[in-house]
Amino acid sequence: MIGEIAIDGVYVPTMLLLGVIAMLLTIALARLFNAFGLYRFVAYRALVDLCLFVLLLGLLAWASPLIGFRP
C-alpha cells in the first residue's frame, strides 16, 4: 500500500492514517472488553490489545480500497 491522502493540502501516508484509525478502534474495543469483564479470561491484557490492533490494522489495510483509500 503506497500512497498519500491529502488533508487540507498536507499529504499524510495512508498507513499512518489507517494506524490511527486502528488505534482508536482498539481503544474503543478495549473499553468495551473492560466494561463487560472479558479481560478476566486472558492472562496478558497487553498482548491481547496488541493482537487486536494488528488484526484491526490488517483488516483496514485489506478493506482500504473498498472504503475509498486508493494508492
N, C-alpha and C. Protein backbone atom coordinates (compact mmCIF):
# COMPACT_ATOMS: atom_id res chain seq x y z
N MET A 1 0.85 -1.16 0.00
CA MET A 1 0.00 0.00 0.00
C MET A 1 0.90 1.23 0.00
N ILE A 2 1.00 1.85 -1.13
CA ILE A 2 1.81 3.05 -1.28
C ILE A 2 0.88 4.17 -1.67
N GLY A 3 1.02 5.29 -1.04
CA GLY A 3 0.19 6.42 -1.40
C GLY A 3 0.00 7.37 -0.24
N GLU A 4 -0.51 8.51 -0.58
CA GLU A 4 -0.78 9.54 0.42
C GLU A 4 -2.21 10.03 0.25
N ILE A 5 -2.70 10.59 1.33
CA ILE A 5 -4.02 11.20 1.33
C ILE A 5 -3.83 12.67 1.67
N ALA A 6 -4.40 13.55 0.88
CA ALA A 6 -4.26 14.98 1.13
C ALA A 6 -5.36 15.44 2.09
N ILE A 7 -4.92 15.99 3.22
CA ILE A 7 -5.84 16.56 4.21
C ILE A 7 -5.50 18.03 4.32
N ASP A 8 -6.32 18.88 3.72
CA ASP A 8 -6.10 20.33 3.68
C ASP A 8 -4.72 20.69 3.13
N GLY A 9 -4.29 20.00 2.10
CA GLY A 9 -3.03 20.30 1.46
C GLY A 9 -1.83 19.64 2.09
N VAL A 10 -2.02 18.90 3.16
CA VAL A 10 -0.92 18.18 3.82
C VAL A 10 -1.06 16.71 3.45
N TYR A 11 0.00 16.16 2.87
CA TYR A 11 -0.02 14.77 2.47
C TYR A 11 0.34 13.88 3.65
N VAL A 12 -0.56 12.94 3.95
CA VAL A 12 -0.39 12.02 5.06
C VAL A 12 -0.30 10.61 4.48
N PRO A 13 0.70 9.82 4.92
CA PRO A 13 0.77 8.44 4.42
C PRO A 13 -0.48 7.65 4.81
N THR A 14 -0.92 6.82 3.89
CA THR A 14 -2.14 6.06 4.10
C THR A 14 -2.03 5.14 5.31
N MET A 15 -0.88 4.49 5.47
CA MET A 15 -0.71 3.57 6.59
C MET A 15 -0.73 4.30 7.93
N LEU A 16 -0.24 5.54 7.96
CA LEU A 16 -0.32 6.32 9.20
C LEU A 16 -1.77 6.60 9.56
N LEU A 17 -2.55 6.98 8.58
CA LEU A 17 -3.97 7.24 8.82
C LEU A 17 -4.70 5.98 9.24
N LEU A 18 -4.40 4.87 8.59
CA LEU A 18 -5.04 3.60 8.97
C LEU A 18 -4.59 3.16 10.35
N GLY A 19 -3.33 3.43 10.71
CA GLY A 19 -2.85 3.10 12.04
C GLY A 19 -3.55 3.89 13.13
N VAL A 20 -3.81 5.15 12.86
CA VAL A 20 -4.52 5.99 13.84
C VAL A 20 -5.96 5.50 13.99
N ILE A 21 -6.60 5.16 12.89
CA ILE A 21 -7.97 4.63 12.95
C ILE A 21 -8.00 3.31 13.71
N ALA A 22 -7.02 2.44 13.42
CA ALA A 22 -6.95 1.15 14.13
C ALA A 22 -6.71 1.35 15.62
N MET A 23 -5.89 2.34 15.99
CA MET A 23 -5.63 2.61 17.40
C MET A 23 -6.90 3.09 18.11
N LEU A 24 -7.65 3.97 17.45
CA LEU A 24 -8.90 4.45 18.04
C LEU A 24 -9.92 3.32 18.21
N LEU A 25 -10.00 2.44 17.21
CA LEU A 25 -10.89 1.30 17.32
C LEU A 25 -10.43 0.33 18.40
N THR A 26 -9.13 0.16 18.55
CA THR A 26 -8.60 -0.71 19.59
C THR A 26 -8.92 -0.17 20.98
N ILE A 27 -8.79 1.14 21.15
CA ILE A 27 -9.12 1.75 22.44
C ILE A 27 -10.59 1.57 22.75
N ALA A 28 -11.44 1.76 21.74
CA ALA A 28 -12.89 1.60 21.96
C ALA A 28 -13.23 0.15 22.31
N LEU A 29 -12.63 -0.81 21.60
CA LEU A 29 -12.92 -2.21 21.90
C LEU A 29 -12.34 -2.63 23.24
N ALA A 30 -11.19 -2.08 23.62
CA ALA A 30 -10.61 -2.40 24.92
C ALA A 30 -11.51 -1.89 26.05
N ARG A 31 -12.10 -0.73 25.86
CA ARG A 31 -13.02 -0.21 26.87
C ARG A 31 -14.28 -1.08 26.96
N LEU A 32 -14.75 -1.57 25.82
CA LEU A 32 -15.90 -2.48 25.83
C LEU A 32 -15.56 -3.81 26.51
N PHE A 33 -14.37 -4.34 26.19
CA PHE A 33 -13.94 -5.59 26.83
C PHE A 33 -13.83 -5.42 28.34
N ASN A 34 -13.31 -4.27 28.75
CA ASN A 34 -13.17 -3.99 30.17
C ASN A 34 -14.54 -3.82 30.84
N ALA A 35 -15.46 -3.17 30.15
CA ALA A 35 -16.79 -2.94 30.72
C ALA A 35 -17.56 -4.25 30.90
N PHE A 36 -17.38 -5.18 29.96
CA PHE A 36 -18.08 -6.46 30.05
C PHE A 36 -17.29 -7.51 30.83
N GLY A 37 -16.09 -7.17 31.28
CA GLY A 37 -15.31 -8.10 32.08
C GLY A 37 -14.68 -9.24 31.30
N LEU A 38 -14.40 -9.02 30.04
CA LEU A 38 -13.82 -10.09 29.22
C LEU A 38 -12.31 -10.25 29.43
N TYR A 39 -11.67 -9.27 30.02
CA TYR A 39 -10.23 -9.36 30.24
C TYR A 39 -9.88 -10.35 31.35
N ARG A 40 -10.83 -10.76 32.14
CA ARG A 40 -10.52 -11.71 33.20
C ARG A 40 -10.26 -13.11 32.64
N PHE A 41 -10.59 -13.33 31.36
CA PHE A 41 -10.36 -14.63 30.74
C PHE A 41 -9.00 -14.74 30.05
N VAL A 42 -8.22 -13.67 30.04
CA VAL A 42 -6.92 -13.70 29.38
C VAL A 42 -5.83 -13.46 30.41
N ALA A 43 -4.63 -13.98 30.13
CA ALA A 43 -3.52 -13.84 31.07
C ALA A 43 -2.76 -12.54 30.86
N TYR A 44 -2.60 -12.13 29.61
CA TYR A 44 -1.80 -10.96 29.30
C TYR A 44 -2.64 -9.95 28.52
N ARG A 45 -3.12 -8.95 29.22
CA ARG A 45 -4.00 -7.97 28.60
C ARG A 45 -3.29 -7.18 27.51
N ALA A 46 -2.04 -6.83 27.73
CA ALA A 46 -1.29 -6.04 26.75
C ALA A 46 -1.11 -6.82 25.45
N LEU A 47 -0.89 -8.12 25.55
CA LEU A 47 -0.74 -8.94 24.35
C LEU A 47 -2.04 -9.03 23.57
N VAL A 48 -3.15 -9.11 24.27
CA VAL A 48 -4.47 -9.13 23.62
C VAL A 48 -4.71 -7.80 22.91
N ASP A 49 -4.36 -6.70 23.56
CA ASP A 49 -4.53 -5.38 22.93
C ASP A 49 -3.65 -5.25 21.69
N LEU A 50 -2.42 -5.74 21.76
CA LEU A 50 -1.52 -5.68 20.60
C LEU A 50 -2.07 -6.51 19.45
N CYS A 51 -2.52 -7.71 19.76
CA CYS A 51 -3.09 -8.56 18.71
C CYS A 51 -4.35 -7.96 18.10
N LEU A 52 -5.15 -7.34 18.94
CA LEU A 52 -6.36 -6.67 18.45
C LEU A 52 -6.00 -5.52 17.51
N PHE A 53 -4.97 -4.75 17.86
CA PHE A 53 -4.52 -3.66 17.00
C PHE A 53 -4.01 -4.19 15.66
N VAL A 54 -3.21 -5.24 15.70
CA VAL A 54 -2.66 -5.80 14.45
C VAL A 54 -3.77 -6.35 13.57
N LEU A 55 -4.74 -7.02 14.18
CA LEU A 55 -5.86 -7.54 13.39
C LEU A 55 -6.70 -6.43 12.78
N LEU A 56 -6.96 -5.39 13.55
CA LEU A 56 -7.74 -4.27 13.00
C LEU A 56 -6.98 -3.53 11.91
N LEU A 57 -5.67 -3.35 12.10
CA LEU A 57 -4.87 -2.69 11.07
C LEU A 57 -4.84 -3.51 9.79
N GLY A 58 -4.70 -4.81 9.91
CA GLY A 58 -4.74 -5.68 8.73
C GLY A 58 -6.08 -5.64 8.03
N LEU A 59 -7.15 -5.64 8.82
CA LEU A 59 -8.49 -5.56 8.24
C LEU A 59 -8.71 -4.24 7.53
N LEU A 60 -8.26 -3.15 8.12
CA LEU A 60 -8.40 -1.84 7.48
C LEU A 60 -7.55 -1.74 6.21
N ALA A 61 -6.34 -2.29 6.24
CA ALA A 61 -5.48 -2.26 5.06
C ALA A 61 -6.09 -3.10 3.94
N TRP A 62 -6.68 -4.23 4.30
CA TRP A 62 -7.31 -5.07 3.30
C TRP A 62 -8.55 -4.40 2.71
N ALA A 63 -9.31 -3.70 3.56
CA ALA A 63 -10.56 -3.10 3.12
C ALA A 63 -10.38 -1.66 2.62
N SER A 64 -9.18 -1.14 2.64
CA SER A 64 -8.99 0.26 2.25
C SER A 64 -9.41 0.58 0.82
N PRO A 65 -9.20 -0.29 -0.17
CA PRO A 65 -9.74 0.04 -1.49
C PRO A 65 -11.26 0.08 -1.51
N LEU A 66 -11.90 -0.68 -0.65
CA LEU A 66 -13.36 -0.70 -0.61
C LEU A 66 -13.94 0.57 0.01
N ILE A 67 -13.19 1.19 0.95
CA ILE A 67 -13.70 2.38 1.61
C ILE A 67 -13.19 3.67 0.98
N GLY A 68 -12.41 3.55 -0.09
CA GLY A 68 -12.05 4.74 -0.86
C GLY A 68 -10.62 5.19 -0.73
N PHE A 69 -9.78 4.51 0.04
CA PHE A 69 -8.36 4.89 0.12
C PHE A 69 -7.63 4.19 -1.00
N ARG A 70 -7.31 4.93 -2.03
CA ARG A 70 -6.61 4.33 -3.16
C ARG A 70 -5.18 4.86 -3.21
N PRO A 71 -4.23 3.96 -3.46
CA PRO A 71 -2.84 4.41 -3.53
C PRO A 71 -2.55 5.25 -4.74
